[in-house]
Amino acid sequence: MNLTPIQLRRRRGVFSMAILSLASLIGFGFLQKNTAPVTFRFVLEKEWVAIHEWTLDSRSGSYGFSAAALLISLWAFFQFRRDKKVQVQSALGGFSLLMAFMCWAASGKMIPFIGALTQLI
């Protein structure tokens, strides 16, 4: 099967996302020694409130978001096989991997999620 350069790049992206998702599931889920609640705040001062606070267990969050990223990778693979674009799957998979990392890294802490995003912009 001869693939165009764009199709090769998409295939590499799908496989990379799947490998990172599996590594995330192992590293952030299975190998996480201790667990604690992690709280995400989705509030930008008094201007914008999506979800005031969202608290979840760090290990469960890491498992859940890593598993979601793995399922999204599978969805992206099937979309690639149908010769479709995988932009939506890449964005969702990347977000899931970011959230899995945040659950692992911020175990026992509060993350001002919108405030952190505004710092990146």
N, C-alpha and C. Protein backbone atom coordinates (compact mmCIF):
# COMPACT_ATOMS: atom_id res chain seq x y z
N MET A 1 0.85 -1.18 0.00
CA MET A 1 0.00 0.00 0.00
C MET A 1 0.89 1.23 0.00
N ASN A 2 0.78 2.03 -1.04
CA ASN A 2 1.56 3.26 -1.16
C ASN A 2 0.79 4.40 -0.52
N LEU A 3 1.42 5.03 0.45
CA LEU A 3 0.79 6.14 1.16
C LEU A 3 1.43 7.45 0.74
N THR A 4 0.62 8.48 0.68
CA THR A 4 1.14 9.81 0.39
C THR A 4 1.88 10.33 1.62
N PRO A 5 2.68 11.37 1.46
CA PRO A 5 3.36 11.93 2.65
C PRO A 5 2.39 12.38 3.74
N ILE A 6 1.24 12.90 3.37
CA ILE A 6 0.24 13.33 4.36
C ILE A 6 -0.30 12.12 5.11
N GLN A 7 -0.58 11.03 4.39
CA GLN A 7 -1.09 9.82 5.03
C GLN A 7 -0.03 9.20 5.94
N LEU A 8 1.23 9.26 5.54
CA LEU A 8 2.31 8.75 6.40
C LEU A 8 2.38 9.55 7.69
N ARG A 9 2.25 10.88 7.58
CA ARG A 9 2.29 11.72 8.78
C ARG A 9 1.11 11.42 9.69
N ARG A 10 -0.08 11.24 9.11
CA ARG A 10 -1.25 10.89 9.92
C ARG A 10 -1.06 9.56 10.62
N ARG A 11 -0.53 8.58 9.89
CA ARG A 11 -0.32 7.26 10.49
C ARG A 11 0.68 7.33 11.64
N ARG A 12 1.78 8.07 11.44
CA ARG A 12 2.76 8.26 12.52
C ARG A 12 2.11 8.94 13.72
N GLY A 13 1.26 9.93 13.47
CA GLY A 13 0.57 10.62 14.56
C GLY A 13 -0.35 9.70 15.33
N VAL A 14 -1.10 8.87 14.62
CA VAL A 14 -2.01 7.93 15.27
C VAL A 14 -1.24 6.93 16.11
N PHE A 15 -0.16 6.37 15.56
CA PHE A 15 0.64 5.40 16.32
C PHE A 15 1.34 6.05 17.50
N SER A 16 1.81 7.28 17.31
CA SER A 16 2.45 7.99 18.43
C SER A 16 1.46 8.25 19.56
N MET A 17 0.25 8.64 19.19
CA MET A 17 -0.77 8.89 20.21
C MET A 17 -1.12 7.59 20.95
N ALA A 18 -1.19 6.49 20.22
CA ALA A 18 -1.49 5.20 20.86
C ALA A 18 -0.37 4.79 21.82
N ILE A 19 0.87 4.97 21.41
CA ILE A 19 2.00 4.61 22.26
C ILE A 19 2.05 5.50 23.50
N LEU A 20 1.83 6.80 23.32
CA LEU A 20 1.81 7.71 24.47
C LEU A 20 0.65 7.40 25.40
N SER A 21 -0.48 7.01 24.85
CA SER A 21 -1.64 6.66 25.68
C SER A 21 -1.36 5.42 26.51
N LEU A 22 -0.74 4.42 25.90
CA LEU A 22 -0.38 3.21 26.62
C LEU A 22 0.66 3.50 27.70
N ALA A 23 1.66 4.31 27.36
CA ALA A 23 2.67 4.70 28.35
C ALA A 23 2.03 5.50 29.49
N SER A 24 1.07 6.34 29.17
CA SER A 24 0.37 7.11 30.19
C SER A 24 -0.43 6.19 31.11
N LEU A 25 -1.09 5.20 30.54
CA LEU A 25 -1.85 4.25 31.34
C LEU A 25 -0.94 3.50 32.31
N ILE A 26 0.21 3.11 31.84
CA ILE A 26 1.16 2.38 32.69
C ILE A 26 1.80 3.32 33.71
N GLY A 27 2.35 4.43 33.22
CA GLY A 27 3.09 5.34 34.10
C GLY A 27 2.25 6.10 35.10
N PHE A 28 1.16 6.68 34.63
CA PHE A 28 0.34 7.51 35.50
C PHE A 28 -0.71 6.72 36.26
N GLY A 29 -1.04 5.53 35.77
CA GLY A 29 -2.07 4.72 36.41
C GLY A 29 -1.50 3.60 37.24
N PHE A 30 -0.93 2.61 36.57
CA PHE A 30 -0.45 1.41 37.26
C PHE A 30 0.71 1.68 38.22
N LEU A 31 1.64 2.53 37.82
CA LEU A 31 2.83 2.76 38.64
C LEU A 31 2.68 3.86 39.68
N GLN A 32 1.52 4.48 39.74
CA GLN A 32 1.30 5.53 40.73
C GLN A 32 1.17 4.89 42.11
N LYS A 33 2.10 5.21 42.99
CA LYS A 33 2.16 4.58 44.31
C LYS A 33 1.04 5.04 45.25
N ASN A 34 0.96 6.34 45.47
CA ASN A 34 -0.05 6.85 46.40
C ASN A 34 -1.07 7.68 45.63
N THR A 35 -2.24 7.75 46.20
CA THR A 35 -3.33 8.47 45.54
C THR A 35 -3.90 9.50 46.51
N ALA A 36 -4.38 10.59 45.94
CA ALA A 36 -4.98 11.67 46.74
C ALA A 36 -5.96 12.41 45.83
N PRO A 37 -6.88 13.14 46.41
CA PRO A 37 -7.80 13.89 45.57
C PRO A 37 -7.09 15.04 44.86
N VAL A 38 -7.49 15.28 43.64
CA VAL A 38 -7.01 16.43 42.88
C VAL A 38 -8.23 17.25 42.48
N THR A 39 -8.13 18.57 42.62
CA THR A 39 -9.26 19.46 42.36
C THR A 39 -8.91 20.39 41.20
N PHE A 40 -9.78 20.43 40.22
CA PHE A 40 -9.62 21.33 39.09
C PHE A 40 -10.64 22.45 39.25
N ARG A 41 -10.18 23.68 39.10
CA ARG A 41 -11.08 24.84 39.12
C ARG A 41 -11.18 25.39 37.71
N PHE A 42 -12.39 25.54 37.23
CA PHE A 42 -12.65 26.06 35.90
C PHE A 42 -13.29 27.43 36.01
N VAL A 43 -12.63 28.33 36.71
CA VAL A 43 -13.17 29.66 36.96
C VAL A 43 -12.10 30.69 36.59
N LEU A 44 -12.51 31.71 35.85
CA LEU A 44 -11.62 32.81 35.53
C LEU A 44 -12.13 34.04 36.26
N GLU A 45 -11.59 34.25 37.45
CA GLU A 45 -12.01 35.31 38.36
C GLU A 45 -13.52 35.35 38.47
N LYS A 46 -14.16 36.49 38.19
CA LYS A 46 -15.62 36.55 38.27
C LYS A 46 -16.25 36.63 36.89
N GLU A 47 -15.43 36.51 35.86
CA GLU A 47 -15.92 36.69 34.50
C GLU A 47 -16.56 35.43 33.94
N TRP A 48 -15.95 34.28 34.19
CA TRP A 48 -16.39 33.08 33.48
C TRP A 48 -16.32 31.89 34.43
N VAL A 49 -17.41 31.17 34.55
CA VAL A 49 -17.47 29.99 35.40
C VAL A 49 -18.04 28.84 34.58
N ALA A 50 -17.22 27.83 34.29
CA ALA A 50 -17.71 26.65 33.57
C ALA A 50 -18.19 25.62 34.59
N ILE A 51 -17.28 25.14 35.37
CA ILE A 51 -17.56 24.23 36.48
C ILE A 51 -16.77 24.82 37.64
N HIS A 52 -17.43 25.09 38.73
CA HIS A 52 -16.72 25.75 39.82
C HIS A 52 -15.53 24.92 40.28
N GLU A 53 -15.75 23.72 40.74
CA GLU A 53 -14.66 22.83 41.14
C GLU A 53 -15.03 21.41 40.76
N TRP A 54 -14.02 20.65 40.38
CA TRP A 54 -14.20 19.25 40.03
C TRP A 54 -13.11 18.47 40.75
N THR A 55 -13.51 17.66 41.73
CA THR A 55 -12.56 16.89 42.52
C THR A 55 -12.69 15.41 42.17
N LEU A 56 -11.54 14.78 41.92
CA LEU A 56 -11.53 13.35 41.66
C LEU A 56 -10.26 12.75 42.20
N ASP A 57 -10.27 11.44 42.36
CA ASP A 57 -9.10 10.72 42.85
C ASP A 57 -8.02 10.73 41.78
N SER A 58 -6.78 10.98 42.16
CA SER A 58 -5.72 11.12 41.17
C SER A 58 -5.48 9.83 40.38
N ARG A 59 -5.51 8.69 41.03
CA ARG A 59 -5.29 7.43 40.31
C ARG A 59 -6.46 7.12 39.38
N SER A 60 -7.68 7.30 39.86
CA SER A 60 -8.85 7.07 39.02
C SER A 60 -8.88 8.03 37.83
N GLY A 61 -8.53 9.27 38.07
CA GLY A 61 -8.48 10.25 36.99
C GLY A 61 -7.43 9.89 35.96
N SER A 62 -6.25 9.47 36.43
CA SER A 62 -5.19 9.07 35.51
C SER A 62 -5.61 7.86 34.69
N TYR A 63 -6.20 6.87 35.35
CA TYR A 63 -6.71 5.70 34.62
C TYR A 63 -7.75 6.11 33.59
N GLY A 64 -8.71 6.89 34.02
CA GLY A 64 -9.82 7.27 33.15
C GLY A 64 -9.38 8.06 31.93
N PHE A 65 -8.56 9.09 32.16
CA PHE A 65 -8.12 9.92 31.04
C PHE A 65 -7.16 9.16 30.12
N SER A 66 -6.31 8.30 30.68
CA SER A 66 -5.42 7.49 29.85
C SER A 66 -6.20 6.48 29.03
N ALA A 67 -7.20 5.86 29.63
CA ALA A 67 -8.04 4.91 28.90
C ALA A 67 -8.83 5.63 27.80
N ALA A 68 -9.30 6.83 28.11
CA ALA A 68 -10.00 7.63 27.09
C ALA A 68 -9.07 7.94 25.92
N ALA A 69 -7.83 8.31 26.23
CA ALA A 69 -6.85 8.59 25.17
C ALA A 69 -6.58 7.34 24.33
N LEU A 70 -6.53 6.19 24.97
CA LEU A 70 -6.31 4.94 24.24
C LEU A 70 -7.50 4.63 23.32
N LEU A 71 -8.71 4.83 23.81
CA LEU A 71 -9.90 4.62 22.97
C LEU A 71 -9.96 5.63 21.83
N ILE A 72 -9.58 6.85 22.09
CA ILE A 72 -9.56 7.87 21.05
C ILE A 72 -8.50 7.52 20.00
N SER A 73 -7.39 6.94 20.43
CA SER A 73 -6.36 6.49 19.48
C SER A 73 -6.91 5.40 18.58
N LEU A 74 -7.70 4.50 19.15
CA LEU A 74 -8.33 3.45 18.36
C LEU A 74 -9.31 4.05 17.36
N TRP A 75 -10.09 5.02 17.80
CA TRP A 75 -11.02 5.73 16.91
C TRP A 75 -10.24 6.41 15.78
N ALA A 76 -9.11 7.05 16.12
CA ALA A 76 -8.29 7.72 15.11
C ALA A 76 -7.74 6.71 14.11
N PHE A 77 -7.37 5.53 14.59
CA PHE A 77 -6.86 4.50 13.69
C PHE A 77 -7.93 4.09 12.68
N PHE A 78 -9.16 3.89 13.14
CA PHE A 78 -10.24 3.51 12.23
C PHE A 78 -10.56 4.65 11.25
N GLN A 79 -10.49 5.88 11.72
CA GLN A 79 -10.70 7.02 10.82
C GLN A 79 -9.59 7.07 9.77
N PHE A 80 -8.35 6.79 10.19
CA PHE A 80 -7.23 6.77 9.25
C PHE A 80 -7.43 5.68 8.20
N ARG A 81 -7.88 4.52 8.64
CA ARG A 81 -8.11 3.41 7.71
C ARG A 81 -9.19 3.75 6.68
N ARG A 82 -10.13 4.61 7.07
CA ARG A 82 -11.19 5.06 6.15
C ARG A 82 -10.75 6.27 5.34
N ASP A 83 -9.47 6.65 5.47
CA ASP A 83 -8.88 7.78 4.77
C ASP A 83 -9.54 9.10 5.13
N LYS A 84 -9.84 9.26 6.42
CA LYS A 84 -10.43 10.50 6.94
C LYS A 84 -9.38 11.25 7.74
N LYS A 85 -9.63 12.51 7.97
CA LYS A 85 -8.74 13.33 8.81
C LYS A 85 -8.90 12.92 10.26
N VAL A 86 -7.86 13.13 11.05
CA VAL A 86 -7.87 12.74 12.47
C VAL A 86 -7.58 13.95 13.37
N GLN A 87 -7.98 15.13 12.94
CA GLN A 87 -7.72 16.34 13.73
C GLN A 87 -8.49 16.35 15.04
N VAL A 88 -9.76 15.99 14.99
CA VAL A 88 -10.59 15.99 16.20
C VAL A 88 -10.06 14.96 17.18
N GLN A 89 -9.72 13.78 16.68
CA GLN A 89 -9.20 12.73 17.55
C GLN A 89 -7.85 13.13 18.16
N SER A 90 -7.03 13.81 17.38
CA SER A 90 -5.74 14.26 17.91
C SER A 90 -5.92 15.28 19.03
N ALA A 91 -6.85 16.21 18.85
CA ALA A 91 -7.11 17.22 19.88
C ALA A 91 -7.67 16.57 21.14
N LEU A 92 -8.64 15.68 20.98
CA LEU A 92 -9.23 15.01 22.15
C LEU A 92 -8.22 14.11 22.85
N GLY A 93 -7.43 13.39 22.07
CA GLY A 93 -6.40 12.53 22.65
C GLY A 93 -5.34 13.32 23.40
N GLY A 94 -4.92 14.44 22.82
CA GLY A 94 -3.95 15.30 23.49
C GLY A 94 -4.49 15.88 24.78
N PHE A 95 -5.75 16.30 24.76
CA PHE A 95 -6.39 16.82 25.97
C PHE A 95 -6.48 15.73 27.04
N SER A 96 -6.84 14.52 26.64
CA SER A 96 -6.93 13.41 27.60
C SER A 96 -5.57 13.10 28.21
N LEU A 97 -4.53 13.11 27.39
CA LEU A 97 -3.19 12.86 27.91
C LEU A 97 -2.75 13.97 28.87
N LEU A 98 -3.08 15.21 28.53
CA LEU A 98 -2.76 16.34 29.41
C LEU A 98 -3.47 16.19 30.75
N MET A 99 -4.75 15.83 30.72
CA MET A 99 -5.50 15.67 31.96
C MET A 99 -4.99 14.49 32.78
N ALA A 100 -4.57 13.40 32.13
CA ALA A 100 -3.99 12.26 32.86
C ALA A 100 -2.71 12.69 33.56
N PHE A 101 -1.88 13.47 32.87
CA PHE A 101 -0.66 13.97 33.47
C PHE A 101 -0.96 14.90 34.64
N MET A 102 -1.94 15.79 34.46
CA MET A 102 -2.29 16.73 35.52
C MET A 102 -2.80 16.00 36.76
N CYS A 103 -3.60 14.93 36.55
CA CYS A 103 -4.08 14.15 37.69
C CYS A 103 -2.93 13.51 38.44
N TRP A 104 -1.95 13.02 37.71
CA TRP A 104 -0.79 12.38 38.33
C TRP A 104 0.09 13.40 39.03
N ALA A 105 0.38 14.50 38.35
CA ALA A 105 1.32 15.49 38.87
C ALA A 105 0.74 16.31 40.03
N ALA A 106 -0.55 16.54 40.01
CA ALA A 106 -1.17 17.41 41.02
C ALA A 106 -1.90 16.62 42.08
N SER A 107 -1.48 15.42 42.35
CA SER A 107 -2.12 14.59 43.35
C SER A 107 -2.11 15.29 44.70
N GLY A 108 -3.31 15.53 45.25
CA GLY A 108 -3.43 16.19 46.54
C GLY A 108 -3.45 17.71 46.46
N LYS A 109 -3.52 18.27 45.27
CA LYS A 109 -3.47 19.72 45.12
C LYS A 109 -4.69 20.23 44.35
N MET A 110 -4.77 21.55 44.23
CA MET A 110 -5.82 22.20 43.45
C MET A 110 -5.17 22.85 42.23
N ILE A 111 -5.78 22.67 41.06
CA ILE A 111 -5.26 23.24 39.82
C ILE A 111 -6.24 24.29 39.31
N PRO A 112 -5.83 25.55 39.21
CA PRO A 112 -6.70 26.55 38.58
C PRO A 112 -6.59 26.41 37.06
N PHE A 113 -7.40 25.53 36.48
CA PHE A 113 -7.22 25.11 35.10
C PHE A 113 -7.31 26.27 34.11
N ILE A 114 -8.33 27.09 34.20
CA ILE A 114 -8.47 28.22 33.27
C ILE A 114 -7.35 29.23 33.47
N GLY A 115 -6.97 29.45 34.72
CA GLY A 115 -5.86 30.36 35.00
C GLY A 115 -4.57 29.84 34.40
N ALA A 116 -4.36 28.54 34.45
CA ALA A 116 -3.15 27.95 33.85
C ALA A 116 -3.17 28.08 32.35
N LEU A 117 -4.33 27.93 31.74
CA LEU A 117 -4.43 28.07 30.28
C LEU A 117 -4.20 29.51 29.85
N THR A 118 -4.69 30.47 30.63
CA THR A 118 -4.49 31.87 30.24
C THR A 118 -3.02 32.27 30.35
N GLN A 119 -2.27 31.60 31.22
CA GLN A 119 -0.84 31.87 31.32
C GLN A 119 -0.10 31.39 30.08
N LEU A 120 -0.63 30.36 29.42
CA LEU A 120 0.01 29.84 28.21
C LEU A 120 -0.20 30.74 27.01
N ILE A 121 -1.29 31.50 27.04
CA ILE A 121 -1.64 32.33 25.87
C ILE A 121 -0.88 33.60 25.86
